[in-house]
Amino acid sequence: LYKYISTPGGLGEWFADNVNSRGEQFTFIWDGEEETAKLVSKKMNQFIKFKWEADEDKESYFELRIQIDDLTKDVALMVTDFSDEDELEESKMLWESQVDDLHGLIGG
């Protein structure tokens, strides 16, 4: 799962049409439109955190975190994302769709 959330190739399979990276800068491409994000932090097999470069809010970011239940060993992908209140439902629907794509890809 970690390679699908942390590498350009993995992210390009479910999150965006294409993803490129140069160092800590990731370029996400959807329908020919590009958005860049800076890799803020990551921990192998646990999480990755990005900040959209166009986002002026210094506190906002999006994070993909892998959680494994100690008892059942069930794996969950926790998504943290900041959005305007008027875009909240649209953001939720978008993330649900994207994560469904990932779920289908990894066969989990």
N, C-alpha and C. Protein backbone atom coordinates (compact mmCIF):
# COMPACT_ATOMS: atom_id res chain seq x y z
N LEU A 1 0.82 -1.21 0.00
CA LEU A 1 0.00 0.00 0.00
C LEU A 1 0.86 1.26 0.00
N TYR A 2 1.95 1.23 0.75
CA TYR A 2 2.77 2.45 0.88
C TYR A 2 3.27 2.95 -0.47
N LYS A 3 3.65 2.04 -1.38
CA LYS A 3 4.15 2.49 -2.68
C LYS A 3 3.06 3.21 -3.49
N TYR A 4 1.80 2.86 -3.25
CA TYR A 4 0.71 3.52 -3.97
C TYR A 4 0.42 4.93 -3.45
N ILE A 5 0.85 5.24 -2.24
CA ILE A 5 0.60 6.57 -1.70
C ILE A 5 1.85 7.44 -1.67
N SER A 6 3.01 6.86 -1.96
CA SER A 6 4.24 7.63 -1.78
C SER A 6 5.11 7.79 -3.03
N THR A 7 4.79 7.09 -4.10
CA THR A 7 5.61 7.19 -5.30
C THR A 7 4.80 7.80 -6.45
N PRO A 8 5.47 8.51 -7.36
CA PRO A 8 4.74 9.06 -8.51
C PRO A 8 4.01 7.98 -9.30
N GLY A 9 4.66 6.84 -9.53
CA GLY A 9 4.01 5.77 -10.27
C GLY A 9 2.79 5.23 -9.56
N GLY A 10 2.90 5.04 -8.26
CA GLY A 10 1.77 4.54 -7.48
C GLY A 10 0.63 5.54 -7.44
N LEU A 11 0.93 6.79 -7.18
CA LEU A 11 -0.11 7.83 -7.14
C LEU A 11 -0.76 8.02 -8.51
N GLY A 12 0.03 7.83 -9.57
CA GLY A 12 -0.50 7.96 -10.92
C GLY A 12 -1.45 6.84 -11.32
N GLU A 13 -1.47 5.77 -10.55
CA GLU A 13 -2.39 4.67 -10.85
C GLU A 13 -3.78 4.88 -10.29
N TRP A 14 -3.94 5.75 -9.28
CA TRP A 14 -5.27 5.90 -8.67
C TRP A 14 -5.63 7.33 -8.30
N PHE A 15 -4.65 8.17 -8.02
CA PHE A 15 -4.94 9.50 -7.50
C PHE A 15 -5.04 10.56 -8.58
N ALA A 16 -4.18 10.49 -9.56
CA ALA A 16 -4.15 11.48 -10.65
C ALA A 16 -3.92 10.74 -11.97
N ASP A 17 -4.11 11.47 -13.08
CA ASP A 17 -3.86 10.87 -14.39
C ASP A 17 -2.37 10.56 -14.55
N ASN A 18 -1.54 11.45 -14.00
CA ASN A 18 -0.10 11.27 -14.07
C ASN A 18 0.53 12.04 -12.91
N VAL A 19 1.65 11.55 -12.41
CA VAL A 19 2.36 12.23 -11.33
C VAL A 19 3.85 12.18 -11.64
N ASN A 20 4.49 13.33 -11.51
CA ASN A 20 5.94 13.43 -11.69
C ASN A 20 6.53 14.02 -10.43
N SER A 21 7.79 13.71 -10.17
CA SER A 21 8.42 14.33 -9.02
C SER A 21 9.84 14.73 -9.34
N ARG A 22 10.25 15.78 -8.69
CA ARG A 22 11.63 16.24 -8.74
C ARG A 22 11.99 16.61 -7.31
N GLY A 23 12.71 15.73 -6.68
CA GLY A 23 13.04 15.95 -5.27
C GLY A 23 11.78 15.90 -4.44
N GLU A 24 11.53 16.98 -3.70
CA GLU A 24 10.35 17.05 -2.84
C GLU A 24 9.14 17.67 -3.53
N GLN A 25 9.28 18.05 -4.79
CA GLN A 25 8.16 18.64 -5.52
C GLN A 25 7.49 17.59 -6.39
N PHE A 26 6.17 17.42 -6.16
CA PHE A 26 5.37 16.47 -6.94
C PHE A 26 4.42 17.27 -7.82
N THR A 27 4.31 16.88 -9.08
CA THR A 27 3.38 17.50 -10.01
C THR A 27 2.29 16.49 -10.31
N PHE A 28 1.05 16.86 -9.98
CA PHE A 28 -0.12 16.00 -10.19
C PHE A 28 -0.87 16.54 -11.41
N ILE A 29 -1.22 15.66 -12.33
CA ILE A 29 -1.87 16.06 -13.57
C ILE A 29 -3.23 15.38 -13.69
N TRP A 30 -4.27 16.22 -13.86
CA TRP A 30 -5.63 15.75 -14.10
C TRP A 30 -6.15 16.45 -15.33
N ASP A 31 -6.60 15.70 -16.32
CA ASP A 31 -7.18 16.27 -17.55
C ASP A 31 -6.31 17.38 -18.13
N GLY A 32 -5.01 17.17 -18.12
CA GLY A 32 -4.08 18.15 -18.70
C GLY A 32 -3.73 19.32 -17.80
N GLU A 33 -4.41 19.45 -16.67
CA GLU A 33 -4.14 20.53 -15.72
C GLU A 33 -3.15 20.04 -14.67
N GLU A 34 -2.18 20.88 -14.33
CA GLU A 34 -1.15 20.51 -13.36
C GLU A 34 -1.33 21.26 -12.05
N GLU A 35 -1.08 20.55 -10.95
CA GLU A 35 -1.00 21.15 -9.63
C GLU A 35 0.25 20.59 -8.96
N THR A 36 0.99 21.46 -8.29
CA THR A 36 2.21 21.00 -7.63
C THR A 36 2.03 21.02 -6.12
N ALA A 37 2.69 20.07 -5.51
CA ALA A 37 2.65 19.96 -4.05
C ALA A 37 4.07 19.64 -3.56
N LYS A 38 4.37 20.15 -2.39
CA LYS A 38 5.66 19.86 -1.77
C LYS A 38 5.49 18.72 -0.79
N LEU A 39 6.40 17.77 -0.85
CA LEU A 39 6.42 16.69 0.12
C LEU A 39 6.89 17.28 1.44
N VAL A 40 6.02 17.29 2.44
CA VAL A 40 6.33 17.90 3.72
C VAL A 40 7.04 16.91 4.64
N SER A 41 6.50 15.71 4.73
CA SER A 41 7.12 14.67 5.55
C SER A 41 6.57 13.31 5.15
N LYS A 42 7.31 12.29 5.55
CA LYS A 42 6.87 10.91 5.31
C LYS A 42 7.59 10.00 6.28
N LYS A 43 6.97 8.86 6.52
CA LYS A 43 7.60 7.81 7.32
C LYS A 43 7.27 6.50 6.64
N MET A 44 8.30 5.76 6.30
CA MET A 44 8.16 4.52 5.54
C MET A 44 7.07 3.62 6.12
N ASN A 45 6.17 3.20 5.25
CA ASN A 45 5.07 2.28 5.57
C ASN A 45 4.07 2.84 6.58
N GLN A 46 4.09 4.17 6.80
CA GLN A 46 3.14 4.76 7.74
C GLN A 46 2.36 5.92 7.17
N PHE A 47 3.03 6.94 6.63
CA PHE A 47 2.29 8.10 6.12
C PHE A 47 3.13 8.90 5.15
N ILE A 48 2.42 9.77 4.41
CA ILE A 48 3.05 10.78 3.57
C ILE A 48 2.19 12.03 3.65
N LYS A 49 2.85 13.18 3.72
CA LYS A 49 2.13 14.45 3.88
C LYS A 49 2.62 15.43 2.82
N PHE A 50 1.66 16.06 2.13
CA PHE A 50 1.94 17.04 1.09
C PHE A 50 1.28 18.37 1.41
N LYS A 51 1.84 19.44 0.84
CA LYS A 51 1.22 20.77 0.90
C LYS A 51 1.13 21.29 -0.53
N TRP A 52 -0.10 21.65 -0.93
CA TRP A 52 -0.28 22.22 -2.26
C TRP A 52 0.45 23.56 -2.32
N GLU A 53 1.25 23.77 -3.35
CA GLU A 53 2.02 25.01 -3.46
C GLU A 53 1.12 26.22 -3.69
N ALA A 54 -0.02 26.04 -4.34
CA ALA A 54 -0.93 27.16 -4.61
C ALA A 54 -1.77 27.53 -3.39
N ASP A 55 -1.77 26.70 -2.36
CA ASP A 55 -2.58 26.95 -1.16
C ASP A 55 -1.87 27.96 -0.27
N GLU A 56 -2.53 29.07 -0.03
CA GLU A 56 -1.92 30.14 0.76
C GLU A 56 -1.99 29.89 2.26
N ASP A 57 -2.86 29.01 2.69
CA ASP A 57 -2.99 28.70 4.11
C ASP A 57 -1.79 27.88 4.56
N LYS A 58 -0.96 28.45 5.40
CA LYS A 58 0.27 27.80 5.81
C LYS A 58 0.03 26.54 6.64
N GLU A 59 -1.14 26.43 7.26
CA GLU A 59 -1.45 25.29 8.13
C GLU A 59 -2.07 24.11 7.39
N SER A 60 -2.49 24.30 6.16
CA SER A 60 -3.21 23.23 5.46
C SER A 60 -2.23 22.27 4.77
N TYR A 61 -2.69 21.04 4.62
CA TYR A 61 -1.92 19.98 3.99
C TYR A 61 -2.88 18.85 3.65
N PHE A 62 -2.38 17.84 2.94
CA PHE A 62 -3.14 16.59 2.86
C PHE A 62 -2.19 15.46 3.19
N GLU A 63 -2.73 14.51 3.92
CA GLU A 63 -1.93 13.41 4.43
C GLU A 63 -2.65 12.10 4.18
N LEU A 64 -1.88 11.10 3.80
CA LEU A 64 -2.37 9.74 3.63
C LEU A 64 -1.62 8.89 4.64
N ARG A 65 -2.37 8.30 5.58
CA ARG A 65 -1.77 7.55 6.68
C ARG A 65 -2.33 6.13 6.71
N ILE A 66 -1.42 5.17 6.82
CA ILE A 66 -1.80 3.76 6.91
C ILE A 66 -1.94 3.40 8.38
N GLN A 67 -3.11 2.87 8.75
CA GLN A 67 -3.32 2.41 10.12
C GLN A 67 -3.63 0.92 10.10
N ILE A 68 -2.97 0.19 10.99
CA ILE A 68 -3.19 -1.25 11.09
C ILE A 68 -3.70 -1.55 12.49
N ASP A 69 -4.87 -2.19 12.56
CA ASP A 69 -5.46 -2.56 13.84
C ASP A 69 -4.60 -3.64 14.50
N ASP A 70 -4.21 -3.42 15.73
CA ASP A 70 -3.35 -4.37 16.43
C ASP A 70 -3.98 -5.75 16.61
N LEU A 71 -5.28 -5.79 16.85
CA LEU A 71 -5.94 -7.08 17.08
C LEU A 71 -6.31 -7.81 15.81
N THR A 72 -6.96 -7.11 14.89
CA THR A 72 -7.48 -7.77 13.70
C THR A 72 -6.52 -7.74 12.51
N LYS A 73 -5.54 -6.86 12.58
CA LYS A 73 -4.59 -6.62 11.48
C LYS A 73 -5.25 -6.02 10.26
N ASP A 74 -6.49 -5.49 10.43
CA ASP A 74 -7.15 -4.78 9.34
C ASP A 74 -6.36 -3.52 9.01
N VAL A 75 -6.30 -3.20 7.73
CA VAL A 75 -5.56 -2.03 7.26
C VAL A 75 -6.55 -0.96 6.82
N ALA A 76 -6.31 0.27 7.26
CA ALA A 76 -7.15 1.40 6.87
C ALA A 76 -6.26 2.51 6.34
N LEU A 77 -6.76 3.23 5.35
CA LEU A 77 -6.07 4.41 4.85
C LEU A 77 -6.82 5.62 5.37
N MET A 78 -6.17 6.40 6.21
CA MET A 78 -6.77 7.60 6.79
C MET A 78 -6.34 8.80 5.95
N VAL A 79 -7.32 9.58 5.49
CA VAL A 79 -7.05 10.75 4.67
C VAL A 79 -7.36 12.00 5.48
N THR A 80 -6.39 12.90 5.55
CA THR A 80 -6.61 14.21 6.15
C THR A 80 -6.42 15.23 5.05
N ASP A 81 -7.42 16.09 4.87
CA ASP A 81 -7.35 17.12 3.83
C ASP A 81 -8.08 18.35 4.32
N PHE A 82 -7.60 19.50 3.95
CA PHE A 82 -8.25 20.75 4.32
C PHE A 82 -9.00 21.29 3.12
N SER A 83 -10.23 21.74 3.35
CA SER A 83 -11.00 22.34 2.26
C SER A 83 -11.92 23.40 2.85
N ASP A 84 -12.37 24.29 1.98
CA ASP A 84 -13.32 25.31 2.42
C ASP A 84 -14.63 24.64 2.80
N GLU A 85 -15.33 25.23 3.73
CA GLU A 85 -16.58 24.63 4.22
C GLU A 85 -17.58 24.40 3.11
N ASP A 86 -17.64 25.32 2.15
CA ASP A 86 -18.60 25.17 1.05
C ASP A 86 -18.19 24.08 0.05
N GLU A 87 -16.97 23.56 0.16
CA GLU A 87 -16.50 22.50 -0.72
C GLU A 87 -16.34 21.17 0.00
N LEU A 88 -16.79 21.10 1.25
CA LEU A 88 -16.56 19.93 2.08
C LEU A 88 -17.18 18.66 1.50
N GLU A 89 -18.45 18.70 1.13
CA GLU A 89 -19.11 17.51 0.60
C GLU A 89 -18.48 17.06 -0.71
N GLU A 90 -18.14 18.01 -1.57
CA GLU A 90 -17.49 17.67 -2.83
C GLU A 90 -16.13 17.02 -2.59
N SER A 91 -15.39 17.52 -1.63
CA SER A 91 -14.08 16.94 -1.29
C SER A 91 -14.23 15.52 -0.75
N LYS A 92 -15.22 15.31 0.10
CA LYS A 92 -15.46 13.97 0.64
C LYS A 92 -15.78 12.99 -0.48
N MET A 93 -16.66 13.41 -1.39
CA MET A 93 -17.04 12.53 -2.49
C MET A 93 -15.84 12.22 -3.39
N LEU A 94 -15.01 13.22 -3.64
CA LEU A 94 -13.83 13.02 -4.47
C LEU A 94 -12.87 12.02 -3.82
N TRP A 95 -12.60 12.20 -2.52
CA TRP A 95 -11.70 11.27 -1.83
C TRP A 95 -12.28 9.86 -1.79
N GLU A 96 -13.57 9.73 -1.55
CA GLU A 96 -14.19 8.41 -1.53
C GLU A 96 -14.02 7.72 -2.87
N SER A 97 -14.21 8.47 -3.95
CA SER A 97 -14.05 7.92 -5.29
C SER A 97 -12.60 7.49 -5.54
N GLN A 98 -11.66 8.35 -5.17
CA GLN A 98 -10.25 8.05 -5.38
C GLN A 98 -9.83 6.82 -4.56
N VAL A 99 -10.24 6.76 -3.31
CA VAL A 99 -9.87 5.63 -2.46
C VAL A 99 -10.53 4.35 -2.95
N ASP A 100 -11.75 4.45 -3.49
CA ASP A 100 -12.39 3.28 -4.10
C ASP A 100 -11.55 2.77 -5.27
N ASP A 101 -11.01 3.69 -6.08
CA ASP A 101 -10.13 3.29 -7.18
C ASP A 101 -8.90 2.56 -6.66
N LEU A 102 -8.31 3.09 -5.58
CA LEU A 102 -7.15 2.45 -4.98
C LEU A 102 -7.51 1.06 -4.45
N HIS A 103 -8.64 0.97 -3.81
CA HIS A 103 -9.09 -0.31 -3.25
C HIS A 103 -9.22 -1.35 -4.35
N GLY A 104 -9.81 -0.95 -5.47
CA GLY A 104 -9.94 -1.86 -6.61
C GLY A 104 -8.59 -2.25 -7.20
N LEU A 105 -7.67 -1.32 -7.19
CA LEU A 105 -6.34 -1.55 -7.75
C LEU A 105 -5.55 -2.57 -6.94
N ILE A 106 -5.61 -2.44 -5.62
CA ILE A 106 -4.81 -3.34 -4.78
C ILE A 106 -5.56 -4.63 -4.44
N GLY A 107 -6.86 -4.66 -4.80
CA GLY A 107 -7.64 -5.88 -4.60
C GLY A 107 -7.96 -6.19 -3.16
N GLY A 108 -7.99 -5.16 -2.32
CA GLY A 108 -8.25 -5.36 -0.90
C GLY A 108 -9.69 -5.26 -0.53
